[in-house]
């Protein structure tokens, strides 16, 4: 049953993406950028609805009261394709820092270009960081929100944190608050896997880290606050009535937290 529901969802996701890009193209490319955000936000809500109806996976995002007004940096955990779109409806005018290869995809890349994202060459980290700071300053002057994944690439749930120091440099140079985002989407929508598991993906915008801290103090707070919140969500998922399958990294983290792993693993089946 999970296979069939996952198949139905994946097919519907890609079909809806293609159809919506074609249907929305006249509106999207003719109106000014801020009005055009309606289309990506509608697409994100469509994905979430399809995920709930077809895969049985609901989404619950909380902590919106922690989002500042105007420009800020959003720093989500990166575990799944889910966290690349599910937060979009809550952000007024987002700017993603993303790998440049995404802008080469027909239609999709054109949509990204309309929103004036910041593509980077991940093969040249130093050069990419300089570009990010220059381009991000321009977006900040427009009051936009910069989205950057502190770990750079998707990590399995419960894995040892691997935060890159690039975000500390960006934080220091832009002098903006940083809002961490905790979630365990990788339990329900695993990276590089076909299956989507039923349950509730919970995500939370955490209280913003104020500007002005040293890079070292900022990194310590970012890691501690994000990982602590993620641990709470991991334990909640493992103890839920219908827990998703727990990968080895999640099981190991639960053991470290003193959770009865045998029960959690047995419940996950």
C-alpha atoms as a PDB file:
ATOM      1  CA  UNK A   1       0.000   0.000   0.000  1.00  0.00           C
ATOM      2  CA  UNK A   2       2.812   2.439   0.843  1.00  0.00           C
ATOM      3  CA  UNK A   3       4.424   1.692  -2.500  1.00  0.00           C
ATOM      4  CA  UNK A   4       1.216   2.402  -4.421  1.00  0.00           C
ATOM      5  CA  UNK A   5       0.481   5.589  -2.490  1.00  0.00           C
ATOM      6  CA  UNK A   6       4.062   6.748  -2.986  1.00  0.00           C
ATOM      7  CA  UNK A   7       3.836   6.009  -6.694  1.00  0.00           C
ATOM      8  CA  UNK A   8       0.580   7.930  -6.998  1.00  0.00           C
ATOM      9  CA  UNK A   9       2.010  10.895  -5.123  1.00  0.00           C
ATOM     10  CA  UNK A  10       5.259  11.038  -7.080  1.00  0.00           C
ATOM     11  CA  UNK A  11       3.461  10.879 -10.407  1.00  0.00           C
ATOM     12  CA  UNK A  12       0.946  13.515  -9.327  1.00  0.00           C
ATOM     13  CA  UNK A  13       3.711  15.774  -7.996  1.00  0.00           C
ATOM     14  CA  UNK A  14       5.611  15.843 -11.276  1.00  0.00           C
ATOM     15  CA  UNK A  15       2.440  16.104 -13.361  1.00  0.00           C
ATOM     16  CA  UNK A  16       1.109  18.990 -11.288  1.00  0.00           C
ATOM     17  CA  UNK A  17       4.464  20.762 -11.480  1.00  0.00           C
ATOM     18  CA  UNK A  18       4.554  20.579 -15.279  1.00  0.00           C
ATOM     19  CA  UNK A  19       0.905  21.563 -15.692  1.00  0.00           C
ATOM     20  CA  UNK A  20       1.110  24.490 -13.271  1.00  0.00           C
ATOM     21  CA  UNK A  21       4.294  25.846 -14.836  1.00  0.00           C
ATOM     22  CA  UNK A  22       2.635  25.831 -18.255  1.00  0.00           C
ATOM     23  CA  UNK A  23      -0.682  27.265 -17.052  1.00  0.00           C
ATOM     24  CA  UNK A  24       0.891  29.972 -14.867  1.00  0.00           C
ATOM     25  CA  UNK A  25       3.539  31.045 -17.392  1.00  0.00           C
ATOM     26  CA  UNK A  26       1.612  33.984 -18.952  1.00  0.00           C
ATOM     27  CA  UNK A  27       0.753  35.429 -15.528  1.00  0.00           C
ATOM     28  CA  UNK A  28       4.093  34.626 -13.922  1.00  0.00           C
ATOM     29  CA  UNK A  29       6.351  36.236 -16.476  1.00  0.00           C
ATOM     30  CA  UNK A  30       4.186  39.273 -17.228  1.00  0.00           C
ATOM     31  CA  UNK A  31       3.538  40.580 -13.703  1.00  0.00           C
ATOM     32  CA  UNK A  32       6.135  42.093 -11.391  1.00  0.00           C
ATOM     33  CA  UNK A  33       8.111  39.752  -9.152  1.00  0.00           C
ATOM     34  CA  UNK A  34       6.263  40.223  -5.860  1.00  0.00           C
ATOM     35  CA  UNK A  35       2.889  39.514  -7.425  1.00  0.00           C
ATOM     36  CA  UNK A  36       4.351  36.524  -9.267  1.00  0.00           C
ATOM     37  CA  UNK A  37       5.112  34.835  -5.918  1.00  0.00           C
ATOM     38  CA  UNK A  38       1.489  33.726  -5.954  1.00  0.00           C
ATOM     39  CA  UNK A  39       2.367  30.949  -8.430  1.00  0.00           C
ATOM     40  CA  UNK A  40       5.236  29.271  -6.473  1.00  0.00           C
ATOM     41  CA  UNK A  41       3.221  29.501  -3.262  1.00  0.00           C
ATOM     42  CA  UNK A  42       0.237  27.892  -4.958  1.00  0.00           C
ATOM     43  CA  UNK A  43       2.571  25.166  -6.285  1.00  0.00           C
ATOM     44  CA  UNK A  44       3.927  24.549  -2.766  1.00  0.00           C
ATOM     45  CA  UNK A  45       0.421  24.280  -1.314  1.00  0.00           C
ATOM     46  CA  UNK A  46      -0.536  21.911  -4.137  1.00  0.00           C
ATOM     47  CA  UNK A  47       2.413  19.661  -3.261  1.00  0.00           C
ATOM     48  CA  UNK A  48       1.445  19.639   0.415  1.00  0.00           C
ATOM     49  CA  UNK A  49      -2.167  18.809  -0.431  1.00  0.00           C
ATOM     50  CA  UNK A  50      -1.170  15.977  -2.777  1.00  0.00           C
ATOM     51  CA  UNK A  51       1.219  14.649  -0.154  1.00  0.00           C
ATOM     52  CA  UNK A  52      -1.561  14.562   2.438  1.00  0.00           C
ATOM     53  CA  UNK A  53      -4.254  13.081   0.197  1.00  0.00           C
ATOM     54  CA  UNK A  54      -2.178  10.561  -1.774  1.00  0.00           C
ATOM     55  CA  UNK A  55       0.733   9.659   0.520  1.00  0.00           C
ATOM     56  CA  UNK A  56      -1.064  10.192   3.832  1.00  0.00           C
ATOM     57  CA  UNK A  57       1.665  12.558   4.986  1.00  0.00           C
ATOM     58  CA  UNK A  58       0.410  15.758   6.567  1.00  0.00           C
ATOM     59  CA  UNK A  59       2.530  18.810   7.354  1.00  0.00           C
ATOM     60  CA  UNK A  60       2.417  21.031  10.423  1.00  0.00           C
ATOM     61  CA  UNK A  61       4.514  24.215  10.458  1.00  0.00           C
ATOM     62  CA  UNK A  62       4.536  26.304  13.646  1.00  0.00           C
ATOM     63  CA  UNK A  63       6.451  29.220  15.119  1.00  0.00           C
ATOM     64  CA  UNK A  64       5.425  31.804  12.534  1.00  0.00           C
ATOM     65  CA  UNK A  65       5.339  34.352  15.363  1.00  0.00           C
ATOM     66  CA  UNK A  66       9.150  34.086  15.446  1.00  0.00           C
ATOM     67  CA  UNK A  67       9.544  35.424  11.903  1.00  0.00           C
ATOM     68  CA  UNK A  68      10.791  39.049  11.919  1.00  0.00           C
ATOM     69  CA  UNK A  69       9.342  41.730   9.694  1.00  0.00           C
ATOM     70  CA  UNK A  70      11.450  42.623   6.651  1.00  0.00           C
ATOM     71  CA  UNK A  71      14.841  41.131   5.833  1.00  0.00           C
ATOM     72  CA  UNK A  72      16.313  38.212   7.755  1.00  0.00           C
ATOM     73  CA  UNK A  73      18.193  34.958   7.166  1.00  0.00           C
ATOM     74  CA  UNK A  74      16.296  31.671   7.331  1.00  0.00           C
ATOM     75  CA  UNK A  75      18.418  28.624   8.229  1.00  0.00           C
ATOM     76  CA  UNK A  76      16.464  25.359   7.822  1.00  0.00           C
ATOM     77  CA  UNK A  77      17.687  21.835   8.405  1.00  0.00           C
ATOM     78  CA  UNK A  78      18.121  20.115   5.050  1.00  0.00           C
ATOM     79  CA  UNK A  79      16.936  16.500   4.963  1.00  0.00           C
ATOM     80  CA  UNK A  80      14.487  16.217   2.105  1.00  0.00           C
ATOM     81  CA  UNK A  81      12.984  17.768  -1.004  1.00  0.00           C
ATOM     82  CA  UNK A  82      10.117  18.701   1.332  1.00  0.00           C
ATOM     83  CA  UNK A  83      12.082  21.460   3.049  1.00  0.00           C
ATOM     84  CA  UNK A  84      12.829  23.145  -0.281  1.00  0.00           C
ATOM     85  CA  UNK A  85       9.181  24.092  -0.875  1.00  0.00           C
ATOM     86  CA  UNK A  86       7.102  23.579   2.288  1.00  0.00           C
ATOM     87  CA  UNK A  87       8.292  26.790   3.949  1.00  0.00           C
ATOM     88  CA  UNK A  88       7.642  28.988   0.892  1.00  0.00           C
ATOM     89  CA  UNK A  89       4.017  29.864   1.769  1.00  0.00           C
ATOM     90  CA  UNK A  90       5.203  31.383   5.054  1.00  0.00           C
ATOM     91  CA  UNK A  91       7.956  33.607   3.639  1.00  0.00           C
ATOM     92  CA  UNK A  92       6.965  36.922   1.985  1.00  0.00           C
ATOM     93  CA  UNK A  93       9.753  37.345  -0.572  1.00  0.00           C
ATOM     94  CA  UNK A  94      12.308  34.551  -0.293  1.00  0.00           C
ATOM     95  CA  UNK A  95      15.744  34.385  -1.901  1.00  0.00           C
ATOM     96  CA  UNK A  96      17.287  30.919  -2.122  1.00  0.00           C
ATOM     97  CA  UNK A  97      21.028  30.397  -2.267  1.00  0.00           C
ATOM     98  CA  UNK A  98      21.150  27.395  -4.579  1.00  0.00           C
ATOM     99  CA  UNK A  99      23.442  25.449  -6.869  1.00  0.00           C
ATOM    100  CA  UNK A 100      23.635  27.017 -10.299  1.00  0.00           C
ATOM    101  CA  UNK A 101      22.807  23.746 -12.069  1.00  0.00           C
ATOM    102  CA  UNK A 102      19.167  24.187 -11.013  1.00  0.00           C
ATOM    103  CA  UNK A 103      18.915  27.305 -13.155  1.00  0.00           C
ATOM    104  CA  UNK A 104      19.808  25.243 -16.229  1.00  0.00           C
ATOM    105  CA  UNK A 105      16.615  23.159 -16.036  1.00  0.00           C
ATOM    106  CA  UNK A 106      14.122  24.227 -18.736  1.00  0.00           C
ATOM    107  CA  UNK A 107      11.084  26.079 -17.360  1.00  0.00           C
ATOM    108  CA  UNK A 108      12.074  25.441 -13.732  1.00  0.00           C
ATOM    109  CA  UNK A 109      15.285  27.405 -14.165  1.00  0.00           C
ATOM    110  CA  UNK A 110      13.368  30.220 -15.852  1.00  0.00           C
ATOM    111  CA  UNK A 111      11.012  30.360 -12.892  1.00  0.00           C
ATOM    112  CA  UNK A 112      13.988  30.649 -10.546  1.00  0.00           C
ATOM    113  CA  UNK A 113      15.432  33.409 -12.684  1.00  0.00           C
ATOM    114  CA  UNK A 114      12.224  35.431 -12.399  1.00  0.00           C
ATOM    115  CA  UNK A 115      12.581  35.425  -8.621  1.00  0.00           C
ATOM    116  CA  UNK A 116      16.183  36.614  -8.839  1.00  0.00           C
ATOM    117  CA  UNK A 117      17.657  33.831  -6.694  1.00  0.00           C
ATOM    118  CA  UNK A 118      21.379  33.532  -5.966  1.00  0.00           C
ATOM    119  CA  UNK A 119      22.933  30.629  -7.922  1.00  0.00           C
ATOM    120  CA  UNK A 120      26.444  29.579  -6.941  1.00  0.00           C
ATOM    121  CA  UNK A 121      29.186  27.283  -8.187  1.00  0.00           C
ATOM    122  CA  UNK A 122      29.704  24.846  -5.339  1.00  0.00           C
ATOM    123  CA  UNK A 123      32.970  23.742  -6.905  1.00  0.00           C
ATOM    124  CA  UNK A 124      34.547  27.084  -5.908  1.00  0.00           C
ATOM    125  CA  UNK A 125      33.514  27.669  -2.274  1.00  0.00           C
ATOM    126  CA  UNK A 126      35.536  30.839  -1.645  1.00  0.00           C
ATOM    127  CA  UNK A 127      34.364  32.483  -4.849  1.00  0.00           C
ATOM    128  CA  UNK A 128      30.797  31.360  -4.183  1.00  0.00           C
ATOM    129  CA  UNK A 129      30.818  32.877  -0.691  1.00  0.00           C
ATOM    130  CA  UNK A 130      32.016  36.233  -2.004  1.00  0.00           C
ATOM    131  CA  UNK A 131      29.266  36.212  -4.608  1.00  0.00           C
ATOM    132  CA  UNK A 132      26.627  35.295  -2.030  1.00  0.00           C
ATOM    133  CA  UNK A 133      27.556  38.218   0.213  1.00  0.00           C
ATOM    134  CA  UNK A 134      27.548  40.735  -2.646  1.00  0.00           C
ATOM    135  CA  UNK A 135      24.268  39.503  -4.118  1.00  0.00           C
ATOM    136  CA  UNK A 136      22.567  38.976  -0.757  1.00  0.00           C
ATOM    137  CA  UNK A 137      23.224  42.596   0.216  1.00  0.00           C
ATOM    138  CA  UNK A 138      21.320  43.712  -2.874  1.00  0.00           C
ATOM    139  CA  UNK A 139      18.353  41.505  -1.956  1.00  0.00           C
ATOM    140  CA  UNK A 140      18.424  42.662   1.672  1.00  0.00           C
ATOM    141  CA  UNK A 141      18.099  46.276   0.496  1.00  0.00           C
ATOM    142  CA  UNK A 142      14.810  45.169  -1.059  1.00  0.00           C
ATOM    143  CA  UNK A 143      13.643  43.763   2.287  1.00  0.00           C
ATOM    144  CA  UNK A 144      13.856  40.151   1.135  1.00  0.00           C
ATOM    145  CA  UNK A 145      14.500  37.009   3.203  1.00  0.00           C
ATOM    146  CA  UNK A 146      17.675  35.000   2.508  1.00  0.00           C
ATOM    147  CA  UNK A 147      17.283  31.203   2.744  1.00  0.00           C
ATOM    148  CA  UNK A 148      20.438  29.171   3.238  1.00  0.00           C
ATOM    149  CA  UNK A 149      20.850  25.573   4.391  1.00  0.00           C
ATOM    150  CA  UNK A 150      23.669  25.669   6.977  1.00  0.00           C
ATOM    151  CA  UNK A 151      24.755  22.086   6.304  1.00  0.00           C
ATOM    152  CA  UNK A 152      24.865  22.647   2.558  1.00  0.00           C
ATOM    153  CA  UNK A 153      23.497  19.280   1.514  1.00  0.00           C
ATOM    154  CA  UNK A 154      20.785  16.915   2.670  1.00  0.00           C
ATOM    155  CA  UNK A 155      21.603  14.937   5.795  1.00  0.00           C
ATOM    156  CA  UNK A 156      19.773  11.871   7.173  1.00  0.00           C
ATOM    157  CA  UNK A 157      17.650  12.355  10.312  1.00  0.00           C
ATOM    158  CA  UNK A 158      19.656  12.097  13.517  1.00  0.00           C
ATOM    159  CA  UNK A 159      23.028  12.352  11.777  1.00  0.00           C
ATOM    160  CA  UNK A 160      25.872  14.210  13.433  1.00  0.00           C
ATOM    161  CA  UNK A 161      25.531  17.917  12.614  1.00  0.00           C
ATOM    162  CA  UNK A 162      27.819  19.152   9.843  1.00  0.00           C
ATOM    163  CA  UNK A 163      27.248  22.905   9.730  1.00  0.00           C
ATOM    164  CA  UNK A 164      29.377  24.918   7.319  1.00  0.00           C
ATOM    165  CA  UNK A 165      31.015  28.139   8.508  1.00  0.00           C
ATOM    166  CA  UNK A 166      29.808  30.010   5.434  1.00  0.00           C
ATOM    167  CA  UNK A 167      26.581  30.928   7.199  1.00  0.00           C
ATOM    168  CA  UNK A 168      28.554  32.554  10.032  1.00  0.00           C
ATOM    169  CA  UNK A 169      30.362  34.749   7.509  1.00  0.00           C
ATOM    170  CA  UNK A 170      27.090  35.704   5.841  1.00  0.00           C
ATOM    171  CA  UNK A 171      25.494  36.414   9.231  1.00  0.00           C
ATOM    172  CA  UNK A 172      28.408  38.637  10.209  1.00  0.00           C
ATOM    173  CA  UNK A 173      28.528  40.559   6.928  1.00  0.00           C
ATOM    174  CA  UNK A 174      24.785  41.116   6.527  1.00  0.00           C
ATOM    175  CA  UNK A 175      24.134  41.993  10.191  1.00  0.00           C
ATOM    176  CA  UNK A 176      20.718  40.323  10.168  1.00  0.00           C
ATOM    177  CA  UNK A 177      18.818  38.056  12.574  1.00  0.00           C
ATOM    178  CA  UNK A 178      18.902  34.355  11.715  1.00  0.00           C
ATOM    179  CA  UNK A 179      15.811  32.173  12.154  1.00  0.00           C
ATOM    180  CA  UNK A 180      16.683  28.477  12.538  1.00  0.00           C
ATOM    181  CA  UNK A 181      14.137  25.938  11.287  1.00  0.00           C
ATOM    182  CA  UNK A 182      13.884  22.501  12.876  1.00  0.00           C
ATOM    183  CA  UNK A 183      12.087  19.521  11.330  1.00  0.00           C
ATOM    184  CA  UNK A 184      12.320  15.776  10.730  1.00  0.00           C
ATOM    185  CA  UNK A 185      11.010  15.646   7.168  1.00  0.00           C
ATOM    186  CA  UNK A 186      13.654  13.076   6.253  1.00  0.00           C
ATOM    187  CA  UNK A 187      11.808  10.443   8.279  1.00  0.00           C
ATOM    188  CA  UNK A 188       8.742  10.696   6.054  1.00  0.00           C
ATOM    189  CA  UNK A 189      10.261  11.869   2.779  1.00  0.00           C
ATOM    190  CA  UNK A 190      13.752  10.317   2.805  1.00  0.00           C
ATOM    191  CA  UNK A 191      16.483  11.665   0.578  1.00  0.00           C
ATOM    192  CA  UNK A 192      17.255   9.610  -2.535  1.00  0.00           C
ATOM    193  CA  UNK A 193      14.347   7.238  -1.873  1.00  0.00           C
ATOM    194  CA  UNK A 194      11.063   6.614  -3.632  1.00  0.00           C
ATOM    195  CA  UNK A 195       8.790   5.808  -0.693  1.00  0.00           C
ATOM    196  CA  UNK A 196       6.803   8.440   1.229  1.00  0.00           C
ATOM    197  CA  UNK A 197       5.645   7.403   4.679  1.00  0.00           C
ATOM    198  CA  UNK A 198       2.347   8.395   6.337  1.00  0.00           C
ATOM    199  CA  UNK A 199       2.344  10.581   9.413  1.00  0.00           C
ATOM    200  CA  UNK A 200       2.832  14.244  10.229  1.00  0.00           C
ATOM    201  CA  UNK A 201       5.941  16.202   9.256  1.00  0.00           C
ATOM    202  CA  UNK A 202       6.369  18.788  11.979  1.00  0.00           C
ATOM    203  CA  UNK A 203       8.527  21.862  11.432  1.00  0.00           C
ATOM    204  CA  UNK A 204       9.100  24.891  13.613  1.00  0.00           C
ATOM    205  CA  UNK A 205      10.511  28.356  13.060  1.00  0.00           C
ATOM    206  CA  UNK A 206      12.670  28.913  16.147  1.00  0.00           C
ATOM    207  CA  UNK A 207      13.245  32.276  17.876  1.00  0.00           C
ATOM    208  CA  UNK A 208      15.649  34.426  15.843  1.00  0.00           C
ATOM    209  CA  UNK A 209      19.311  34.656  16.777  1.00  0.00           C
ATOM    210  CA  UNK A 210      20.005  38.394  16.998  1.00  0.00           C
ATOM    211  CA  UNK A 211      22.708  40.082  14.928  1.00  0.00           C
ATOM    212  CA  UNK A 212      25.943  41.260  16.494  1.00  0.00           C
ATOM    213  CA  UNK A 213      27.275  38.036  17.995  1.00  0.00           C
ATOM    214  CA  UNK A 214      30.760  36.791  17.263  1.00  0.00           C
ATOM    215  CA  UNK A 215      30.919  34.131  14.553  1.00  0.00           C
ATOM    216  CA  UNK A 216      31.875  31.511  17.117  1.00  0.00           C
ATOM    217  CA  UNK A 217      29.036  32.379  19.476  1.00  0.00           C
ATOM    218  CA  UNK A 218      26.567  32.509  16.601  1.00  0.00           C
ATOM    219  CA  UNK A 219      27.564  29.067  15.308  1.00  0.00           C
ATOM    220  CA  UNK A 220      27.345  27.571  18.778  1.00  0.00           C
ATOM    221  CA  UNK A 221      23.830  28.924  19.248  1.00  0.00           C
ATOM    222  CA  UNK A 222      22.684  27.928  15.772  1.00  0.00           C
ATOM    223  CA  UNK A 223      23.822  24.342  16.170  1.00  0.00           C
ATOM    224  CA  UNK A 224      22.642  23.955  19.761  1.00  0.00           C
ATOM    225  CA  UNK A 225      19.192  25.460  19.277  1.00  0.00           C
ATOM    226  CA  UNK A 226      18.482  23.760  15.962  1.00  0.00           C
ATOM    227  CA  UNK A 227      19.684  20.328  17.036  1.00  0.00           C
ATOM    228  CA  UNK A 228      17.882  20.480  20.377  1.00  0.00           C
ATOM    229  CA  UNK A 229      14.596  21.238  18.620  1.00  0.00           C
ATOM    230  CA  UNK A 230      15.254  18.500  16.051  1.00  0.00           C
ATOM    231  CA  UNK A 231      15.910  16.009  18.843  1.00  0.00           C
ATOM    232  CA  UNK A 232      12.514  16.832  20.330  1.00  0.00           C
ATOM    233  CA  UNK A 233      10.817  16.292  16.977  1.00  0.00           C
ATOM    234  CA  UNK A 234      12.695  13.028  16.455  1.00  0.00           C
ATOM    235  CA  UNK A 235      11.583  11.663  19.822  1.00  0.00           C
ATOM    236  CA  UNK A 236       7.993  12.756  19.135  1.00  0.00           C
ATOM    237  CA  UNK A 237       8.031  10.977  15.773  1.00  0.00           C
ATOM    238  CA  UNK A 238       9.518   7.788  17.240  1.00  0.00           C
ATOM    239  CA  UNK A 239       6.876   7.722  19.982  1.00  0.00           C
ATOM    240  CA  UNK A 240       3.939   8.547  17.731  1.00  0.00           C
ATOM    241  CA  UNK A 241       1.145   6.046  17.137  1.00  0.00           C
ATOM    242  CA  UNK A 242       2.314   5.347  13.605  1.00  0.00           C
ATOM    243  CA  UNK A 243       6.073   6.048  13.539  1.00  0.00           C
ATOM    244  CA  UNK A 244       7.920   6.041  10.235  1.00  0.00           C
ATOM    245  CA  UNK A 245      10.816   3.627   9.611  1.00  0.00           C
ATOM    246  CA  UNK A 246      13.840   4.913  11.509  1.00  0.00           C
ATOM    247  CA  UNK A 247      17.174   4.999   9.673  1.00  0.00           C
ATOM    248  CA  UNK A 248      20.344   3.928  11.531  1.00  0.00           C
ATOM    249  CA  UNK A 249      21.328   7.554  12.195  1.00  0.00           C
ATOM    250  CA  UNK A 250      17.976   8.211  13.872  1.00  0.00           C
ATOM    251  CA  UNK A 251      18.167   5.029  15.944  1.00  0.00           C
ATOM    252  CA  UNK A 252      21.660   5.915  17.129  1.00  0.00           C
ATOM    253  CA  UNK A 253      20.601   9.428  18.080  1.00  0.00           C
ATOM    254  CA  UNK A 254      17.637   8.072  20.015  1.00  0.00           C
ATOM    255  CA  UNK A 255      19.978   5.783  21.936  1.00  0.00           C
ATOM    256  CA  UNK A 256      22.160   8.783  22.775  1.00  0.00           C
ATOM    257  CA  UNK A 257      19.074  10.595  24.045  1.00  0.00           C
ATOM    258  CA  UNK A 258      18.154   7.677  26.284  1.00  0.00           C
ATOM    259  CA  UNK A 259      15.023   6.723  24.345  1.00  0.00           C
ATOM    260  CA  UNK A 260      13.945   3.078  24.368  1.00  0.00           C
ATOM    261  CA  UNK A 261      15.190   2.367  20.865  1.00  0.00           C
ATOM    262  CA  UNK A 262      13.956  -1.215  20.773  1.00  0.00           C
ATOM    263  CA  UNK A 263      10.372  -0.073  21.204  1.00  0.00           C
ATOM    264  CA  UNK A 264      10.767   2.720  18.671  1.00  0.00           C
ATOM    265  CA  UNK A 265      12.365   0.377  16.137  1.00  0.00           C
ATOM    266  CA  UNK A 266       9.727  -2.307  16.669  1.00  0.00           C
ATOM    267  CA  UNK A 267       6.938   0.236  16.293  1.00  0.00           C
ATOM    268  CA  UNK A 268       8.515   1.462  13.065  1.00  0.00           C
ATOM    269  CA  UNK A 269       8.394  -2.046  11.728  1.00  0.00           C
END
